[in-house]
Amino acid sequence: AQFVNGSKGDPNALMVMGAVMLGGIITGKPPVTLSQATPLARLTSEYN
């Protein structure tokens, strides 16, 4: 939410994310969505 609301149009802003965020959005239904930000790249995978 802070990233979406505070970084609009900023070409030097990045945010780390991953599978956990997707799960949290599904269960928590926050007022902002990941689709509002700009996807760049997947980096790593890891098992628990």
All heavy atoms as atom14 arrays in JSON, in Angstrom:
{
  "sequence": "AQFVNGSKGDPNALMVMGAVMLGGIITGKPPVTLSQATPLARLTSEYN",
  "atom14_mask": [
    [1, 1, 1, 1, 1, 0, 0, 0, 0, 0, 0, 0, 0, 0],
    [1, 1, 1, 1, 1, 1, 1, 1, 1, 0, 0, 0, 0, 0],
    [1, 1, 1, 1, 1, 1, 1, 1, 1, 1, 1, 0, 0, 0],
    [1, 1, 1, 1, 1, 1, 1, 0, 0, 0, 0, 0, 0, 0],
    [1, 1, 1, 1, 1, 1, 1, 1, 0, 0, 0, 0, 0, 0],
    [1, 1, 1, 1, 0, 0, 0, 0, 0, 0, 0, 0, 0, 0],
    [1, 1, 1, 1, 1, 1, 0, 0, 0, 0, 0, 0, 0, 0],
    [1, 1, 1, 1, 1, 1, 1, 1, 1, 0, 0, 0, 0, 0],
    [1, 1, 1, 1, 0, 0, 0, 0, 0, 0, 0, 0, 0, 0],
    [1, 1, 1, 1, 1, 1, 1, 1, 0, 0, 0, 0, 0, 0],
    [1, 1, 1, 1, 1, 1, 1, 0, 0, 0, 0, 0, 0, 0],
    [1, 1, 1, 1, 1, 1, 1, 1, 0, 0, 0, 0, 0, 0],
    [1, 1, 1, 1, 1, 0, 0, 0, 0, 0, 0, 0, 0, 0],
    [1, 1, 1, 1, 1, 1, 1, 1, 0, 0, 0, 0, 0, 0],
    [1, 1, 1, 1, 1, 1, 1, 1, 0, 0, 0, 0, 0, 0],
    [1, 1, 1, 1, 1, 1, 1, 0, 0, 0, 0, 0, 0, 0],
    [1, 1, 1, 1, 1, 1, 1, 1, 0, 0, 0, 0, 0, 0],
    [1, 1, 1, 1, 0, 0, 0, 0, 0, 0, 0, 0, 0, 0],
    [1, 1, 1, 1, 1, 0, 0, 0, 0, 0, 0, 0, 0, 0],
    [1, 1, 1, 1, 1, 1, 1, 0, 0, 0, 0, 0, 0, 0],
    [1, 1, 1, 1, 1, 1, 1, 1, 0, 0, 0, 0, 0, 0],
    [1, 1, 1, 1, 1, 1, 1, 1, 0, 0, 0, 0, 0, 0],
    [1, 1, 1, 1, 0, 0, 0, 0, 0, 0, 0, 0, 0, 0],
    [1, 1, 1, 1, 0, 0, 0, 0, 0, 0, 0, 0, 0, 0],
    [1, 1, 1, 1, 1, 1, 1, 1, 0, 0, 0, 0, 0, 0],
    [1, 1, 1, 1, 1, 1, 1, 1, 0, 0, 0, 0, 0, 0],
    [1, 1, 1, 1, 1, 1, 1, 0, 0, 0, 0, 0, 0, 0],
    [1, 1, 1, 1, 0, 0, 0, 0, 0, 0, 0, 0, 0, 0],
    [1, 1, 1, 1, 1, 1, 1, 1, 1, 0, 0, 0, 0, 0],
    [1, 1, 1, 1, 1, 1, 1, 0, 0, 0, 0, 0, 0, 0],
    [1, 1, 1, 1, 1, 1, 1, 0, 0, 0, 0, 0, 0, 0],
    [1, 1, 1, 1, 1, 1, 1, 0, 0, 0, 0, 0, 0, 0],
    [1, 1, 1, 1, 1, 1, 1, 0, 0, 0, 0, 0, 0, 0],
    [1, 1, 1, 1, 1, 1, 1, 1, 0, 0, 0, 0, 0, 0],
    [1, 1, 1, 1, 1, 1, 0, 0, 0, 0, 0, 0, 0, 0],
    [1, 1, 1, 1, 1, 1, 1, 1, 1, 0, 0, 0, 0, 0],
    [1, 1, 1, 1, 1, 0, 0, 0, 0, 0, 0, 0, 0, 0],
    [1, 1, 1, 1, 1, 1, 1, 0, 0, 0, 0, 0, 0, 0],
    [1, 1, 1, 1, 1, 1, 1, 0, 0, 0, 0, 0, 0, 0],
    [1, 1, 1, 1, 1, 1, 1, 1, 0, 0, 0, 0, 0, 0],
    [1, 1, 1, 1, 1, 0, 0, 0, 0, 0, 0, 0, 0, 0],
    [1, 1, 1, 1, 1, 1, 1, 1, 1, 1, 1, 0, 0, 0],
    [1, 1, 1, 1, 1, 1, 1, 1, 0, 0, 0, 0, 0, 0],
    [1, 1, 1, 1, 1, 1, 1, 0, 0, 0, 0, 0, 0, 0],
    [1, 1, 1, 1, 1, 1, 0, 0, 0, 0, 0, 0, 0, 0],
    [1, 1, 1, 1, 1, 1, 1, 1, 1, 0, 0, 0, 0, 0],
    [1, 1, 1, 1, 1, 1, 1, 1, 1, 1, 1, 1, 0, 0],
    [1, 1, 1, 1, 1, 1, 1, 1, 0, 0, 0, 0, 0, 0]
  ],
  "atom14_positions": [
    [[0.84, -1.21, 0.0], [0.0, 0.0, 0.0], [0.87, 1.26, 0.0], [0.6, 2.21, -0.74], [-0.93, -0.01, 1.21], [0.0, 0.0, 0.0], [0.0, 0.0, 0.0], [0.0, 0.0, 0.0], [0.0, 0.0, 0.0], [0.0, 0.0, 0.0], [0.0, 0.0, 0.0], [0.0, 0.0, 0.0], [0.0, 0.0, 0.0], [0.0, 0.0, 0.0]],
    [[1.91, 1.24, 0.81], [2.81, 2.41, 0.86], [3.52, 2.6, -0.48], [3.68, 3.72, -0.96], [3.83, 2.25, 1.98], [4.79, 3.44, 2.1], [5.69, 3.32, 3.31], [5.22, 3.09, 4.43], [7.0, 3.46, 3.1], [0.0, 0.0, 0.0], [0.0, 0.0, 0.0], [0.0, 0.0, 0.0], [0.0, 0.0, 0.0], [0.0, 0.0, 0.0]],
    [[3.92, 1.49, -1.08], [4.62, 1.54, -2.35], [3.71, 2.06, -3.46], [4.08, 2.95, -4.22], [5.13, 0.14, -2.71], [5.96, 0.07, -3.96], [7.24, 0.57, -3.98], [5.45, -0.52, -5.12], [8.03, 0.49, -5.14], [6.21, -0.6, -6.27], [7.51, -0.09, -6.27], [0.0, 0.0, 0.0], [0.0, 0.0, 0.0], [0.0, 0.0, 0.0]],
    [[2.49, 1.53, -3.52], [1.54, 1.93, -4.56], [1.16, 3.4, -4.42], [1.11, 4.15, -5.41], [0.28, 1.03, -4.51], [-0.86, 1.64, -5.32], [0.61, -0.36, -5.04], [0.0, 0.0, 0.0], [0.0, 0.0, 0.0], [0.0, 0.0, 0.0], [0.0, 0.0, 0.0], [0.0, 0.0, 0.0], [0.0, 0.0, 0.0], [0.0, 0.0, 0.0]],
    [[0.91, 3.83, -3.17], [0.44, 5.2, -2.95], [1.56, 6.23, -2.95], [1.31, 7.41, -3.24], [-0.33, 5.27, -1.63], [-1.61, 4.45, -1.66], [-2.28, 4.39, -2.67], [-1.94, 3.81, -0.54], [0.0, 0.0, 0.0], [0.0, 0.0, 0.0], [0.0, 0.0, 0.0], [0.0, 0.0, 0.0], [0.0, 0.0, 0.0], [0.0, 0.0, 0.0]],
    [[2.78, 5.8, -2.63], [3.85, 6.78, -2.47], [4.9, 6.8, -3.57], [5.8, 7.64, -3.54], [0.0, 0.0, 0.0], [0.0, 0.0, 0.0], [0.0, 0.0, 0.0], [0.0, 0.0, 0.0], [0.0, 0.0, 0.0], [0.0, 0.0, 0.0], [0.0, 0.0, 0.0], [0.0, 0.0, 0.0], [0.0, 0.0, 0.0], [0.0, 0.0, 0.0]],
    [[4.81, 5.89, -4.54], [5.87, 5.8, -5.55], [5.38, 5.95, -6.98], [6.08, 5.59, -7.92], [6.59, 4.44, -5.41], [7.13, 4.27, -4.13], [0.0, 0.0, 0.0], [0.0, 0.0, 0.0], [0.0, 0.0, 0.0], [0.0, 0.0, 0.0], [0.0, 0.0, 0.0], [0.0, 0.0, 0.0], [0.0, 0.0, 0.0], [0.0, 0.0, 0.0]],
    [[4.17, 6.46, -7.15], [3.59, 6.55, -8.49], [4.51, 7.29, -9.46], [4.96, 8.4, -9.19], [2.24, 7.25, -8.43], [1.16, 6.4, -7.76], [-0.14, 7.16, -7.62], [-1.18, 6.31, -6.89], [-2.44, 7.05, -6.63], [0.0, 0.0, 0.0], [0.0, 0.0, 0.0], [0.0, 0.0, 0.0], [0.0, 0.0, 0.0], [0.0, 0.0, 0.0]],
    [[4.8, 6.62, -10.59], [5.61, 7.24, -11.63], [7.09, 7.34, -11.33], [7.84, 7.92, -12.11], [0.0, 0.0, 0.0], [0.0, 0.0, 0.0], [0.0, 0.0, 0.0], [0.0, 0.0, 0.0], [0.0, 0.0, 0.0], [0.0, 0.0, 0.0], [0.0, 0.0, 0.0], [0.0, 0.0, 0.0], [0.0, 0.0, 0.0], [0.0, 0.0, 0.0]],
    [[7.55, 6.75, -10.22], [8.96, 6.86, -9.83], [9.77, 5.75, -10.51], [9.63, 4.58, -10.16], [9.1, 6.76, -8.31], [10.52, 7.03, -7.83], [11.45, 6.99, -8.66], [10.69, 7.25, -6.62], [0.0, 0.0, 0.0], [0.0, 0.0, 0.0], [0.0, 0.0, 0.0], [0.0, 0.0, 0.0], [0.0, 0.0, 0.0], [0.0, 0.0, 0.0]],
    [[10.64, 6.1, -11.47], [11.39, 5.08, -12.2], [12.55, 4.48, -11.42], [13.23, 3.58, -11.91], [11.9, 5.84, -13.43], [12.08, 7.23, -12.92], [10.96, 7.45, -11.94], [0.0, 0.0, 0.0], [0.0, 0.0, 0.0], [0.0, 0.0, 0.0], [0.0, 0.0, 0.0], [0.0, 0.0, 0.0], [0.0, 0.0, 0.0], [0.0, 0.0, 0.0]],
    [[12.79, 4.97, -10.21], [13.88, 4.46, -9.38], [13.38, 3.67, -8.18], [14.16, 3.35, -7.29], [14.77, 5.61, -8.9], [15.51, 6.28, -10.04], [15.98, 5.6, -10.96], [15.6, 7.59, -10.02], [0.0, 0.0, 0.0], [0.0, 0.0, 0.0], [0.0, 0.0, 0.0], [0.0, 0.0, 0.0], [0.0, 0.0, 0.0], [0.0, 0.0, 0.0]],
    [[12.09, 3.38, -8.15], [11.51, 2.65, -7.01], [11.31, 1.18, -7.35], [10.83, 0.83, -8.43], [10.18, 3.29, -6.62], [0.0, 0.0, 0.0], [0.0, 0.0, 0.0], [0.0, 0.0, 0.0], [0.0, 0.0, 0.0], [0.0, 0.0, 0.0], [0.0, 0.0, 0.0], [0.0, 0.0, 0.0], [0.0, 0.0, 0.0], [0.0, 0.0, 0.0]],
    [[11.67, 0.32, -6.41], [11.53, -1.13, -6.57], [10.85, -1.7, -5.32], [10.94, -1.11, -4.24], [12.9, -1.8, -6.73], [13.74, -1.42, -7.95], [15.16, -1.95, -7.78], [13.1, -1.97, -9.21], [0.0, 0.0, 0.0], [0.0, 0.0, 0.0], [0.0, 0.0, 0.0], [0.0, 0.0, 0.0], [0.0, 0.0, 0.0], [0.0, 0.0, 0.0]],
    [[10.21, -2.84, -5.46], [9.61, -3.53, -4.32], [9.82, -5.03, -4.46], [9.53, -5.61, -5.51], [8.11, -3.24, -4.24], [7.43, -3.95, -3.06], [5.62, -3.81, -3.07], [5.22, -4.87, -4.48], [0.0, 0.0, 0.0], [0.0, 0.0, 0.0], [0.0, 0.0, 0.0], [0.0, 0.0, 0.0], [0.0, 0.0, 0.0], [0.0, 0.0, 0.0]],
    [[10.31, -5.64, -3.4], [10.44, -7.1, -3.36], [9.07, -7.7, -3.07], [8.28, -7.13, -2.31], [11.44, -7.53, -2.27], [11.6, -9.05, -2.25], [12.79, -6.88, -2.49], [0.0, 0.0, 0.0], [0.0, 0.0, 0.0], [0.0, 0.0, 0.0], [0.0, 0.0, 0.0], [0.0, 0.0, 0.0], [0.0, 0.0, 0.0], [0.0, 0.0, 0.0]],
    [[8.76, -8.81, -3.68], [7.48, -9.49, -3.46], [7.64, -10.96, -3.75], [8.74, -11.41, -4.05], [6.38, -8.85, -4.33], [6.71, -8.73, -5.8], [6.72, -10.27, -6.75], [4.98, -10.7, -6.7], [0.0, 0.0, 0.0], [0.0, 0.0, 0.0], [0.0, 0.0, 0.0], [0.0, 0.0, 0.0], [0.0, 0.0, 0.0], [0.0, 0.0, 0.0]],
    [[6.54, -11.71, -3.65], [6.63, -13.12, -3.96], [5.35, -13.85, -3.66], [4.29, -13.23, -3.45], [0.0, 0.0, 0.0], [0.0, 0.0, 0.0], [0.0, 0.0, 0.0], [0.0, 0.0, 0.0], [0.0, 0.0, 0.0], [0.0, 0.0, 0.0], [0.0, 0.0, 0.0], [0.0, 0.0, 0.0], [0.0, 0.0, 0.0], [0.0, 0.0, 0.0]],
    [[5.44, -15.17, -3.59], [4.25, -16.0, -3.4], [3.5, -15.65, -2.13], [2.27, -15.72, -2.08], [4.67, -17.48, -3.38], [0.0, 0.0, 0.0], [0.0, 0.0, 0.0], [0.0, 0.0, 0.0], [0.0, 0.0, 0.0], [0.0, 0.0, 0.0], [0.0, 0.0, 0.0], [0.0, 0.0, 0.0], [0.0, 0.0, 0.0], [0.0, 0.0, 0.0]],
    [[4.24, -15.28, -1.09], [3.61, -14.94, 0.19], [2.64, -13.77, 0.03], [1.55, -13.77, 0.61], [4.69, -14.59, 1.24], [4.05, -14.01, 2.51], [5.51, -15.83, 1.58], [0.0, 0.0, 0.0], [0.0, 0.0, 0.0], [0.0, 0.0, 0.0], [0.0, 0.0, 0.0], [0.0, 0.0, 0.0], [0.0, 0.0, 0.0], [0.0, 0.0, 0.0]],
    [[3.03, -12.77, -0.76], [2.17, -11.61, -0.95], [0.87, -12.02, -1.66], [-0.22, -11.53, -1.34], [2.89, -10.52, -1.76], [2.07, -9.24, -1.94], [3.01, -7.92, -2.73], [4.02, -7.35, -1.37], [0.0, 0.0, 0.0], [0.0, 0.0, 0.0], [0.0, 0.0, 0.0], [0.0, 0.0, 0.0], [0.0, 0.0, 0.0], [0.0, 0.0, 0.0]],
    [[0.97, -12.92, -2.62], [-0.22, -13.37, -3.33], [-1.18, -14.05, -2.36], [-2.38, -13.78, -2.37], [0.16, -14.33, -4.46], [0.52, -13.72, -5.82], [1.65, -12.73, -5.74], [0.86, -14.81, -6.82], [0.0, 0.0, 0.0], [0.0, 0.0, 0.0], [0.0, 0.0, 0.0], [0.0, 0.0, 0.0], [0.0, 0.0, 0.0], [0.0, 0.0, 0.0]],
    [[-0.64, -14.92, -1.51], [-1.47, -15.61, -0.53], [-2.13, -14.63, 0.44], [-3.3, -14.78, 0.8], [0.0, 0.0, 0.0], [0.0, 0.0, 0.0], [0.0, 0.0, 0.0], [0.0, 0.0, 0.0], [0.0, 0.0, 0.0], [0.0, 0.0, 0.0], [0.0, 0.0, 0.0], [0.0, 0.0, 0.0], [0.0, 0.0, 0.0], [0.0, 0.0, 0.0]],
    [[-1.37, -13.62, 0.85], [-1.9, -12.61, 1.77], [-3.01, -11.79, 1.16], [-3.99, -11.42, 1.82], [0.0, 0.0, 0.0], [0.0, 0.0, 0.0], [0.0, 0.0, 0.0], [0.0, 0.0, 0.0], [0.0, 0.0, 0.0], [0.0, 0.0, 0.0], [0.0, 0.0, 0.0], [0.0, 0.0, 0.0], [0.0, 0.0, 0.0], [0.0, 0.0, 0.0]],
    [[-2.86, -11.47, -0.12], [-3.9, -10.71, -0.83], [-5.18, -11.53, -0.94], [-6.29, -11.02, -0.78], [-3.39, -10.27, -2.22], [-2.31, -9.18, -2.06], [-4.53, -9.76, -3.09], [-1.59, -8.82, -3.34], [0.0, 0.0, 0.0], [0.0, 0.0, 0.0], [0.0, 0.0, 0.0], [0.0, 0.0, 0.0], [0.0, 0.0, 0.0], [0.0, 0.0, 0.0]],
    [[-5.02, -12.83, -1.19], [-6.19, -13.71, -1.33], [-6.96, -13.8, 0.0], [-8.18, -13.74, 0.03], [-5.77, -15.11, -1.81], [-5.25, -15.04, -3.26], [-6.93, -16.1, -1.71], [-4.52, -16.3, -3.71], [0.0, 0.0, 0.0], [0.0, 0.0, 0.0], [0.0, 0.0, 0.0], [0.0, 0.0, 0.0], [0.0, 0.0, 0.0], [0.0, 0.0, 0.0]],
    [[-6.21, -13.93, 1.11], [-6.89, -14.08, 2.41], [-7.29, -12.75, 3.01], [-8.33, -12.64, 3.67], [-5.97, -14.81, 3.43], [-4.74, -14.1, 3.57], [-5.7, -16.23, 2.98], [0.0, 0.0, 0.0], [0.0, 0.0, 0.0], [0.0, 0.0, 0.0], [0.0, 0.0, 0.0], [0.0, 0.0, 0.0], [0.0, 0.0, 0.0], [0.0, 0.0, 0.0]],
    [[-6.47, -11.72, 2.81], [-6.72, -10.44, 3.48], [-7.55, -9.44, 2.71], [-8.12, -8.52, 3.27], [0.0, 0.0, 0.0], [0.0, 0.0, 0.0], [0.0, 0.0, 0.0], [0.0, 0.0, 0.0], [0.0, 0.0, 0.0], [0.0, 0.0, 0.0], [0.0, 0.0, 0.0], [0.0, 0.0, 0.0], [0.0, 0.0, 0.0], [0.0, 0.0, 0.0]],
    [[-7.6, -9.58, 1.38], [-8.34, -8.66, 0.52], [-8.04, -7.18, 0.85], [-8.93, -6.43, 1.22], [-9.84, -8.94, 0.63], [-10.23, -10.35, 0.22], [-11.7, -10.62, 0.43], [-12.05, -12.05, 0.07], [-13.45, -12.39, 0.35], [0.0, 0.0, 0.0], [0.0, 0.0, 0.0], [0.0, 0.0, 0.0], [0.0, 0.0, 0.0], [0.0, 0.0, 0.0]],
    [[-6.76, -6.78, 0.73], [-6.4, -5.4, 1.07], [-6.96, -4.4, 0.06], [-7.37, -4.79, -1.05], [-4.86, -5.42, 1.01], [-4.55, -6.51, 0.04], [-5.62, -7.55, 0.26], [0.0, 0.0, 0.0], [0.0, 0.0, 0.0], [0.0, 0.0, 0.0], [0.0, 0.0, 0.0], [0.0, 0.0, 0.0], [0.0, 0.0, 0.0], [0.0, 0.0, 0.0]],
    [[-6.99, -3.1, 0.42], [-7.56, -2.08, -0.47], [-6.73, -1.8, -1.72], [-7.23, -1.22, -2.67], [-7.63, -0.83, 0.42], [-6.61, -1.07, 1.49], [-6.61, -2.54, 1.72], [0.0, 0.0, 0.0], [0.0, 0.0, 0.0], [0.0, 0.0, 0.0], [0.0, 0.0, 0.0], [0.0, 0.0, 0.0], [0.0, 0.0, 0.0], [0.0, 0.0, 0.0]],
    [[-5.45, -2.2, -1.69], [-4.62, -2.05, -2.89], [-4.33, -3.43, -3.45], [-4.4, -4.43, -2.74], [-3.27, -1.33, -2.58], [-3.52, 0.1, -2.16], [-2.48, -2.09, -1.52], [0.0, 0.0, 0.0], [0.0, 0.0, 0.0], [0.0, 0.0, 0.0], [0.0, 0.0, 0.0], [0.0, 0.0, 0.0], [0.0, 0.0, 0.0], [0.0, 0.0, 0.0]],
    [[-4.02, -3.5, -4.73], [-3.73, -4.78, -5.35], [-2.37, -4.74, -6.04], [-1.87, -3.66, -6.39], [-4.79, -5.16, -6.4], [-4.71, -4.22, -7.5], [-6.18, -5.11, -5.81], [0.0, 0.0, 0.0], [0.0, 0.0, 0.0], [0.0, 0.0, 0.0], [0.0, 0.0, 0.0], [0.0, 0.0, 0.0], [0.0, 0.0, 0.0], [0.0, 0.0, 0.0]],
    [[-1.81, -5.91, -6.24], [-0.5, -6.01, -6.88], [-0.56, -5.53, -8.32], [0.43, -5.03, -8.87], [-0.03, -7.46, -6.81], [1.43, -7.76, -7.14], [2.38, -6.94, -6.29], [1.7, -9.25, -6.95], [0.0, 0.0, 0.0], [0.0, 0.0, 0.0], [0.0, 0.0, 0.0], [0.0, 0.0, 0.0], [0.0, 0.0, 0.0], [0.0, 0.0, 0.0]],
    [[-1.72, -5.64, -8.94], [-1.86, -5.23, -10.34], [-1.68, -3.73, -10.53], [-1.5, -3.25, -11.65], [-3.23, -5.64, -10.89], [-4.26, -5.02, -10.16], [0.0, 0.0, 0.0], [0.0, 0.0, 0.0], [0.0, 0.0, 0.0], [0.0, 0.0, 0.0], [0.0, 0.0, 0.0], [0.0, 0.0, 0.0], [0.0, 0.0, 0.0], [0.0, 0.0, 0.0]],
    [[-1.69, -2.96, -9.44], [-1.47, -1.52, -9.54], [0.01, -1.19, -9.73], [0.34, -0.1, -10.18], [-2.02, -0.82, -8.28], [-3.54, -0.83, -8.19], [-4.05, -0.32, -6.86], [-4.36, -1.08, -5.96], [-4.12, 0.99, -6.73], [0.0, 0.0, 0.0], [0.0, 0.0, 0.0], [0.0, 0.0, 0.0], [0.0, 0.0, 0.0], [0.0, 0.0, 0.0]],
    [[0.89, -2.11, -9.33], [2.33, -1.91, -9.5], [2.77, -2.56, -10.82], [1.96, -3.13, -11.55], [3.09, -2.51, -8.32], [0.0, 0.0, 0.0], [0.0, 0.0, 0.0], [0.0, 0.0, 0.0], [0.0, 0.0, 0.0], [0.0, 0.0, 0.0], [0.0, 0.0, 0.0], [0.0, 0.0, 0.0], [0.0, 0.0, 0.0], [0.0, 0.0, 0.0]],
    [[4.06, -2.45, -11.12], [4.57, -2.88, -12.43], [5.48, -4.1, -12.3], [6.58, -4.01, -11.73], [5.36, -1.74, -13.09], [4.55, -0.56, -13.15], [5.81, -2.11, -14.49], [0.0, 0.0, 0.0], [0.0, 0.0, 0.0], [0.0, 0.0, 0.0], [0.0, 0.0, 0.0], [0.0, 0.0, 0.0], [0.0, 0.0, 0.0], [0.0, 0.0, 0.0]],
    [[5.07, -5.26, -12.82], [5.9, -6.46, -12.72], [7.2, -6.34, -13.52], [7.18, -5.9, -14.67], [5.01, -7.56, -13.29], [3.98, -6.87, -14.11], [3.79, -5.52, -13.51], [0.0, 0.0, 0.0], [0.0, 0.0, 0.0], [0.0, 0.0, 0.0], [0.0, 0.0, 0.0], [0.0, 0.0, 0.0], [0.0, 0.0, 0.0], [0.0, 0.0, 0.0]],
    [[8.3, -6.72, -12.89], [9.61, -6.67, -13.57], [10.2, -8.06, -13.77], [10.43, -8.47, -14.9], [10.59, -5.8, -12.76], [10.22, -4.33, -12.55], [11.26, -3.64, -11.68], [10.06, -3.61, -13.88], [0.0, 0.0, 0.0], [0.0, 0.0, 0.0], [0.0, 0.0, 0.0], [0.0, 0.0, 0.0], [0.0, 0.0, 0.0], [0.0, 0.0, 0.0]],
    [[10.44, -8.78, -12.66], [11.11, -10.07, -12.82], [10.92, -10.97, -11.61], [10.83, -10.5, -10.48], [12.6, -9.86, -13.06], [0.0, 0.0, 0.0], [0.0, 0.0, 0.0], [0.0, 0.0, 0.0], [0.0, 0.0, 0.0], [0.0, 0.0, 0.0], [0.0, 0.0, 0.0], [0.0, 0.0, 0.0], [0.0, 0.0, 0.0], [0.0, 0.0, 0.0]],
    [[10.86, -12.27, -11.86], [10.99, -13.26, -10.81], [12.48, -13.52, -10.65], [13.22, -13.56, -11.63], [10.26, -14.55, -11.2], [10.23, -15.6, -10.1], [9.54, -16.88, -10.57], [10.32, -17.57, -11.58], [9.93, -18.67, -12.22], [8.75, -19.2, -11.97], [10.71, -19.24, -13.12], [0.0, 0.0, 0.0], [0.0, 0.0, 0.0], [0.0, 0.0, 0.0]],
    [[12.93, -13.72, -9.41], [14.36, -13.86, -9.16], [14.76, -15.27, -8.72], [15.66, -15.87, -9.3], [14.79, -12.86, -8.08], [14.58, -11.39, -8.39], [14.8, -10.55, -7.13], [15.52, -10.94, -9.5], [0.0, 0.0, 0.0], [0.0, 0.0, 0.0], [0.0, 0.0, 0.0], [0.0, 0.0, 0.0], [0.0, 0.0, 0.0], [0.0, 0.0, 0.0]],
    [[14.11, -15.78, -7.7], [14.53, -17.04, -7.09], [13.34, -17.91, -6.73], [12.2, -17.44, -6.65], [15.31, -16.79, -5.78], [14.43, -16.17, -4.82], [16.52, -15.9, -6.01], [0.0, 0.0, 0.0], [0.0, 0.0, 0.0], [0.0, 0.0, 0.0], [0.0, 0.0, 0.0], [0.0, 0.0, 0.0], [0.0, 0.0, 0.0], [0.0, 0.0, 0.0]],
    [[13.62, -19.17, -6.49], [12.62, -20.06, -5.9], [13.29, -20.77, -4.73], [14.51, -20.92, -4.68], [12.09, -21.07, -6.92], [13.1, -21.97, -7.28], [0.0, 0.0, 0.0], [0.0, 0.0, 0.0], [0.0, 0.0, 0.0], [0.0, 0.0, 0.0], [0.0, 0.0, 0.0], [0.0, 0.0, 0.0], [0.0, 0.0, 0.0], [0.0, 0.0, 0.0]],
    [[12.47, -21.16, -3.79], [13.0, -21.81, -2.59], [11.89, -22.62, -1.96], [10.72, -22.21, -1.98], [13.5, -20.74, -1.6], [14.15, -21.29, -0.36], [14.65, -20.19, 0.58], [14.1, -19.08, 0.56], [15.58, -20.46, 1.34], [0.0, 0.0, 0.0], [0.0, 0.0, 0.0], [0.0, 0.0, 0.0], [0.0, 0.0, 0.0], [0.0, 0.0, 0.0]],
    [[12.25, -23.76, -1.42], [11.25, -24.57, -0.72], [11.33, -24.3, 0.78], [12.36, -23.86, 1.29], [11.47, -26.06, -1.01], [11.08, -26.44, -2.41], [12.05, -26.59, -3.41], [9.75, -26.63, -2.75], [11.68, -26.93, -4.71], [9.37, -26.96, -4.05], [10.34, -27.1, -5.02], [9.98, -27.42, -6.3], [0.0, 0.0, 0.0], [0.0, 0.0, 0.0]],
    [[10.23, -24.56, 1.46], [10.19, -24.34, 2.9], [10.72, -25.55, 3.65], [10.68, -26.68, 3.15], [8.76, -24.05, 3.36], [8.31, -22.65, 3.01], [9.08, -21.87, 2.47], [7.07, -22.32, 3.31], [0.0, 0.0, 0.0], [0.0, 0.0, 0.0], [0.0, 0.0, 0.0], [0.0, 0.0, 0.0], [0.0, 0.0, 0.0], [0.0, 0.0, 0.0]]
  ]
}
